[in-house]
PDB file of all heavy atoms in Angstrom:
ATOM      1  N   LYS A   1      85.393 163.437 138.040  1.00  0.00           N
ATOM      2  CA  LYS A   1      85.662 162.110 138.584  1.00  0.00           C
ATOM      3  C   LYS A   1      84.692 161.716 139.703  1.00  0.00           C
ATOM      4  O   LYS A   1      84.646 160.545 140.086  1.00  0.00           O
ATOM      5  CB  LYS A   1      87.094 162.042 139.117  1.00  0.00           C
ATOM      6  CG  LYS A   1      88.168 162.273 138.056  1.00  0.00           C
ATOM      7  CD  LYS A   1      89.554 162.245 138.676  1.00  0.00           C
ATOM      8  CE  LYS A   1      90.628 162.491 137.625  1.00  0.00           C
ATOM      9  NZ  LYS A   1      91.991 162.502 138.229  1.00  0.00           N
ATOM     10  N   LEU A   2      83.951 162.688 140.230  1.00  0.00           N
ATOM     11  CA  LEU A   2      83.172 162.430 141.435  1.00  0.00           C
ATOM     12  C   LEU A   2      81.992 161.484 141.227  1.00  0.00           C
ATOM     13  O   LEU A   2      81.806 160.542 142.025  1.00  0.00           O
ATOM     14  CB  LEU A   2      82.696 163.755 142.035  1.00  0.00           C
ATOM     15  CG  LEU A   2      81.967 163.683 143.379  1.00  0.00           C
ATOM     16  CD1 LEU A   2      82.820 162.987 144.437  1.00  0.00           C
ATOM     17  CD2 LEU A   2      81.580 165.091 143.844  1.00  0.00           C
ATOM     18  N   PRO A   3      81.141 161.651 140.200  1.00  0.00           N
ATOM     19  CA  PRO A   3      80.017 160.720 140.057  1.00  0.00           C
ATOM     20  C   PRO A   3      80.428 159.257 139.917  1.00  0.00           C
ATOM     21  O   PRO A   3      79.776 158.375 140.468  1.00  0.00           O
ATOM     22  CB  PRO A   3      79.300 161.228 138.801  1.00  0.00           C
ATOM     23  CG  PRO A   3      79.567 162.701 138.817  1.00  0.00           C
ATOM     24  CD  PRO A   3      80.991 162.802 139.282  1.00  0.00           C
ATOM     25  N   ARG A   4      81.507 158.986 139.181  1.00  0.00           N
ATOM     26  CA  ARG A   4      81.956 157.591 139.076  1.00  0.00           C
ATOM     27  C   ARG A   4      82.365 157.064 140.449  1.00  0.00           C
ATOM     28  O   ARG A   4      82.079 155.912 140.790  1.00  0.00           O
ATOM     29  CB  ARG A   4      83.121 157.464 138.095  1.00  0.00           C
ATOM     30  CG  ARG A   4      83.605 156.027 137.921  1.00  0.00           C
ATOM     31  CD  ARG A   4      84.778 155.950 136.972  1.00  0.00           C
ATOM     32  NE  ARG A   4      84.406 156.189 135.591  1.00  0.00           N
ATOM     33  CZ  ARG A   4      84.004 155.233 134.745  1.00  0.00           C
ATOM     34  NH1 ARG A   4      83.904 153.977 135.162  1.00  0.00           N
ATOM     35  NH2 ARG A   4      83.702 155.535 133.506  1.00  0.00           N
ATOM     36  N   ARG A   5      83.042 157.893 141.228  1.00  0.00           N
ATOM     37  CA  ARG A   5      83.467 157.458 142.553  1.00  0.00           C
ATOM     38  C   ARG A   5      82.264 157.210 143.468  1.00  0.00           C
ATOM     39  O   ARG A   5      82.239 156.261 144.247  1.00  0.00           O
ATOM     40  CB  ARG A   5      84.389 158.507 143.171  1.00  0.00           C
ATOM     41  CG  ARG A   5      85.136 158.013 144.395  1.00  0.00           C
ATOM     42  CD  ARG A   5      86.122 159.031 144.898  1.00  0.00           C
ATOM     43  NE  ARG A   5      86.854 158.516 146.051  1.00  0.00           N
ATOM     44  CZ  ARG A   5      87.573 159.255 146.875  1.00  0.00           C
ATOM     45  NH1 ARG A   5      87.688 160.567 146.660  1.00  0.00           N
ATOM     46  NH2 ARG A   5      88.197 158.706 147.905  1.00  0.00           N
ATOM     47  N   LEU A   6      81.253 158.058 143.373  1.00  0.00           N
ATOM     48  CA  LEU A   6      80.060 157.892 144.197  1.00  0.00           C
ATOM     49  C   LEU A   6      79.260 156.659 143.779  1.00  0.00           C
ATOM     50  O   LEU A   6      78.669 155.975 144.618  1.00  0.00           O
ATOM     51  CB  LEU A   6      79.177 159.138 144.102  1.00  0.00           C
ATOM     52  CG  LEU A   6      79.747 160.405 144.743  1.00  0.00           C
ATOM     53  CD1 LEU A   6      78.941 161.614 144.319  1.00  0.00           C
ATOM     54  CD2 LEU A   6      79.763 160.274 146.262  1.00  0.00           C
ATOM     55  N   ALA A   7      79.216 156.380 142.481  1.00  0.00           N
ATOM     56  CA  ALA A   7      78.470 155.221 141.985  1.00  0.00           C
ATOM     57  C   ALA A   7      79.189 153.914 142.272  1.00  0.00           C
ATOM     58  O   ALA A   7      78.574 152.842 142.274  1.00  0.00           O
ATOM     59  CB  ALA A   7      78.232 155.358 140.482  1.00  0.00           C
ATOM     60  N   SER A   8      80.503 153.993 142.517  1.00  0.00           N
ATOM     61  CA  SER A   8      81.293 152.816 142.872  1.00  0.00           C
ATOM     62  C   SER A   8      81.086 152.480 144.339  1.00  0.00           C
ATOM     63  O   SER A   8      81.185 153.353 145.201  1.00  0.00           O
ATOM     64  CB  SER A   8      82.778 153.090 142.611  1.00  0.00           C
ATOM     65  OG  SER A   8      83.601 152.208 143.327  1.00  0.00           O
ATOM     66  N   LYS A   9      80.818 151.224 144.650  1.00  0.00           N
ATOM     67  CA  LYS A   9      80.652 150.834 146.050  1.00  0.00           C
ATOM     68  C   LYS A   9      81.941 151.067 146.841  1.00  0.00           C
ATOM     69  O   LYS A   9      81.899 151.512 147.996  1.00  0.00           O
ATOM     70  CB  LYS A   9      80.237 149.365 146.150  1.00  0.00           C
ATOM     71  CG  LYS A   9      78.986 148.999 145.372  1.00  0.00           C
ATOM     72  CD  LYS A   9      77.795 149.859 145.756  1.00  0.00           C
ATOM     73  CE  LYS A   9      76.561 149.445 144.967  1.00  0.00           C
ATOM     74  NZ  LYS A   9      75.422 150.359 145.186  1.00  0.00           N
ATOM     75  N   GLN A  10      83.079 150.790 146.219  1.00  0.00           N
ATOM     76  CA  GLN A  10      84.347 151.010 146.910  1.00  0.00           C
ATOM     77  C   GLN A  10      84.629 152.500 147.051  1.00  0.00           C
ATOM     78  O   GLN A  10      85.038 152.970 148.123  1.00  0.00           O
ATOM     79  CB  GLN A  10      85.496 150.341 146.159  1.00  0.00           C
ATOM     80  CG  GLN A  10      86.833 150.505 146.869  1.00  0.00           C
ATOM     81  CD  GLN A  10      87.920 149.607 146.296  1.00  0.00           C
ATOM     82  OE1 GLN A  10      87.656 148.739 145.473  1.00  0.00           O
ATOM     83  NE2 GLN A  10      89.148 149.799 146.739  1.00  0.00           N
ATOM     84  N   GLY A  11      84.396 153.259 145.984  1.00  0.00           N
ATOM     85  CA  GLY A  11      84.622 154.696 146.046  1.00  0.00           C
ATOM     86  C   GLY A  11      83.755 155.364 147.087  1.00  0.00           C
ATOM     87  O   GLY A  11      84.217 156.245 147.835  1.00  0.00           O
ATOM     88  N   LEU A  12      82.487 154.955 147.166  1.00  0.00           N
ATOM     89  CA  LEU A  12      81.577 155.527 148.152  1.00  0.00           C
ATOM     90  C   LEU A  12      82.031 155.185 149.561  1.00  0.00           C
ATOM     91  O   LEU A  12      82.026 156.043 150.461  1.00  0.00           O
ATOM     92  CB  LEU A  12      80.158 155.021 147.915  1.00  0.00           C
ATOM     93  CG  LEU A  12      79.110 155.480 148.931  1.00  0.00           C
ATOM     94  CD1 LEU A  12      78.995 156.996 148.959  1.00  0.00           C
ATOM     95  CD2 LEU A  12      77.750 154.844 148.630  1.00  0.00           C
ATOM     96  N   HIS A  13      82.427 153.942 149.780  1.00  0.00           N
ATOM     97  CA  HIS A  13      82.883 153.539 151.109  1.00  0.00           C
ATOM     98  C   HIS A  13      84.101 154.363 151.536  1.00  0.00           C
ATOM     99  O   HIS A  13      84.184 154.818 152.685  1.00  0.00           O
ATOM    100  CB  HIS A  13      83.231 152.050 151.117  1.00  0.00           C
ATOM    101  CG  HIS A  13      83.749 151.553 152.431  1.00  0.00           C
ATOM    102  ND1 HIS A  13      82.939 151.352 153.521  1.00  0.00           N
ATOM    103  CD2 HIS A  13      85.011 151.230 152.832  1.00  0.00           C
ATOM    104  CE1 HIS A  13      83.663 150.931 154.542  1.00  0.00           C
ATOM    105  NE2 HIS A  13      84.913 150.839 154.146  1.00  0.00           N
ATOM    106  N   GLU A  14      85.018 154.578 150.617  1.00  0.00           N
ATOM    107  CA  GLU A  14      86.213 155.362 150.944  1.00  0.00           C
ATOM    108  C   GLU A  14      85.849 156.806 151.277  1.00  0.00           C
ATOM    109  O   GLU A  14      86.429 157.410 152.192  1.00  0.00           O
ATOM    110  CB  GLU A  14      87.187 155.307 149.771  1.00  0.00           C
ATOM    111  CG  GLU A  14      87.810 153.924 149.571  1.00  0.00           C
ATOM    112  CD  GLU A  14      88.560 153.791 148.267  1.00  0.00           C
ATOM    113  OE1 GLU A  14      88.428 154.725 147.430  1.00  0.00           O
ATOM    114  OE2 GLU A  14      89.240 152.777 148.050  1.00  0.00           O
ATOM    115  N   LEU A  15      84.898 157.387 150.555  1.00  0.00           N
ATOM    116  CA  LEU A  15      84.457 158.749 150.847  1.00  0.00           C
ATOM    117  C   LEU A  15      83.771 158.820 152.213  1.00  0.00           C
ATOM    118  O   LEU A  15      83.946 159.800 152.947  1.00  0.00           O
ATOM    119  CB  LEU A  15      83.509 159.239 149.756  1.00  0.00           C
ATOM    120  CG  LEU A  15      84.167 159.702 148.451  1.00  0.00           C
ATOM    121  CD1 LEU A  15      83.114 159.897 147.365  1.00  0.00           C
ATOM    122  CD2 LEU A  15      84.951 160.989 148.671  1.00  0.00           C
ATOM    123  N   CYS A  16      82.987 157.797 152.533  1.00  0.00           N
ATOM    124  CA  CYS A  16      82.328 157.764 153.839  1.00  0.00           C
ATOM    125  C   CYS A  16      83.368 157.738 154.969  1.00  0.00           C
ATOM    126  O   CYS A  16      83.243 158.462 155.960  1.00  0.00           O
ATOM    127  CB  CYS A  16      81.409 156.550 153.942  1.00  0.00           C
ATOM    128  SG  CYS A  16      79.885 156.672 152.969  1.00  0.00           S
ATOM    129  N   VAL A  17      84.386 156.901 154.813  1.00  0.00           N
ATOM    130  CA  VAL A  17      85.445 156.829 155.825  1.00  0.00           C
ATOM    131  C   VAL A  17      86.162 158.163 155.936  1.00  0.00           C
ATOM    132  O   VAL A  17      86.430 158.671 157.036  1.00  0.00           O
ATOM    133  CB  VAL A  17      86.434 155.698 155.480  1.00  0.00           C
ATOM    134  CG1 VAL A  17      87.641 155.739 156.414  1.00  0.00           C
ATOM    135  CG2 VAL A  17      85.747 154.337 155.564  1.00  0.00           C
ATOM    136  N   GLU A  18      86.449 158.768 154.793  1.00  0.00           N
ATOM    137  CA  GLU A  18      87.180 160.036 154.761  1.00  0.00           C
ATOM    138  C   GLU A  18      86.425 161.160 155.456  1.00  0.00           C
ATOM    139  O   GLU A  18      87.031 162.013 156.113  1.00  0.00           O
ATOM    140  CB  GLU A  18      87.453 160.411 153.301  1.00  0.00           C
ATOM    141  CG  GLU A  18      88.235 161.695 153.118  1.00  0.00           C
ATOM    142  CD  GLU A  18      88.456 162.001 151.648  1.00  0.00           C
ATOM    143  OE1 GLU A  18      88.346 161.074 150.813  1.00  0.00           O
ATOM    144  OE2 GLU A  18      88.735 163.182 151.328  1.00  0.00           O
ATOM    145  N   HIS A  19      85.083 161.154 155.334  1.00  0.00           N
ATOM    146  CA  HIS A  19      84.284 162.273 155.852  1.00  0.00           C
ATOM    147  C   HIS A  19      83.452 161.909 157.084  1.00  0.00           C
ATOM    148  O   HIS A  19      82.589 162.683 157.486  1.00  0.00           O
ATOM    149  CB  HIS A  19      83.377 162.808 154.750  1.00  0.00           C
ATOM    150  CG  HIS A  19      84.137 163.415 153.604  1.00  0.00           C
ATOM    151  ND1 HIS A  19      84.749 164.644 153.695  1.00  0.00           N
ATOM    152  CD2 HIS A  19      84.398 162.942 152.355  1.00  0.00           C
ATOM    153  CE1 HIS A  19      85.352 164.918 152.538  1.00  0.00           C
ATOM    154  NE2 HIS A  19      85.159 163.906 151.718  1.00  0.00           N
ATOM    155  N   GLY A  20      83.715 160.753 157.665  1.00  0.00           N
ATOM    156  CA  GLY A  20      83.049 160.393 158.906  1.00  0.00           C
ATOM    157  C   GLY A  20      81.584 160.067 158.769  1.00  0.00           C
ATOM    158  O   GLY A  20      80.804 160.286 159.693  1.00  0.00           O
ATOM    159  N   ILE A  21      81.189 159.516 157.625  1.00  0.00           N
ATOM    160  CA  ILE A  21      79.805 159.103 157.402  1.00  0.00           C
ATOM    161  C   ILE A  21      79.698 157.605 157.695  1.00  0.00           C
ATOM    162  O   ILE A  21      80.484 156.806 157.171  1.00  0.00           O
ATOM    163  CB  ILE A  21      79.362 159.386 155.956  1.00  0.00           C
ATOM    164  CG1 ILE A  21      79.486 160.885 155.653  1.00  0.00           C
ATOM    165  CG2 ILE A  21      77.935 158.905 155.717  1.00  0.00           C
ATOM    166  CD1 ILE A  21      78.609 161.777 156.487  1.00  0.00           C
ATOM    167  N   ALA A  22      78.733 157.228 158.514  1.00  0.00           N
ATOM    168  CA  ALA A  22      78.583 155.812 158.872  1.00  0.00           C
ATOM    169  C   ALA A  22      78.187 154.998 157.646  1.00  0.00           C
ATOM    170  O   ALA A  22      77.353 155.420 156.838  1.00  0.00           O
ATOM    171  CB  ALA A  22      77.531 155.662 159.966  1.00  0.00           C
ATOM    172  N   SER A  23      78.784 153.823 157.524  1.00  0.00           N
ATOM    173  CA  SER A  23      78.445 152.892 156.452  1.00  0.00           C
ATOM    174  C   SER A  23      78.766 151.484 156.935  1.00  0.00           C
ATOM    175  O   SER A  23      79.544 151.306 157.874  1.00  0.00           O
ATOM    176  CB  SER A  23      79.228 153.206 155.170  1.00  0.00           C
ATOM    177  OG  SER A  23      80.610 153.028 155.366  1.00  0.00           O
ATOM    178  N   PRO A  24      78.184 150.457 156.318  1.00  0.00           N
ATOM    179  CA  PRO A  24      78.478 149.097 156.760  1.00  0.00           C
ATOM    180  C   PRO A  24      79.951 148.750 156.576  1.00  0.00           C
ATOM    181  O   PRO A  24      80.607 149.224 155.641  1.00  0.00           O
ATOM    182  CB  PRO A  24      77.594 148.235 155.841  1.00  0.00           C
ATOM    183  CG  PRO A  24      76.517 149.148 155.359  1.00  0.00           C
ATOM    184  CD  PRO A  24      77.156 150.495 155.251  1.00  0.00           C
ATOM    185  N   THR A  25      80.481 147.938 157.470  1.00  0.00           N
ATOM    186  CA  THR A  25      81.844 147.434 157.337  1.00  0.00           C
ATOM    187  C   THR A  25      81.960 146.677 156.013  1.00  0.00           C
ATOM    188  O   THR A  25      81.115 145.832 155.697  1.00  0.00           O
ATOM    189  CB  THR A  25      82.194 146.514 158.513  1.00  0.00           C
ATOM    190  OG1 THR A  25      82.025 147.243 159.734  1.00  0.00           O
ATOM    191  CG2 THR A  25      83.619 146.016 158.403  1.00  0.00           C
TER     192      THR A  25
END
């Protein structure tokens, strides 16, 4: 399931929030 989540803009944003990675609001 991970590549689809990473390729998704929403999935990537959620992962960034979860792991403390800076990303645009």
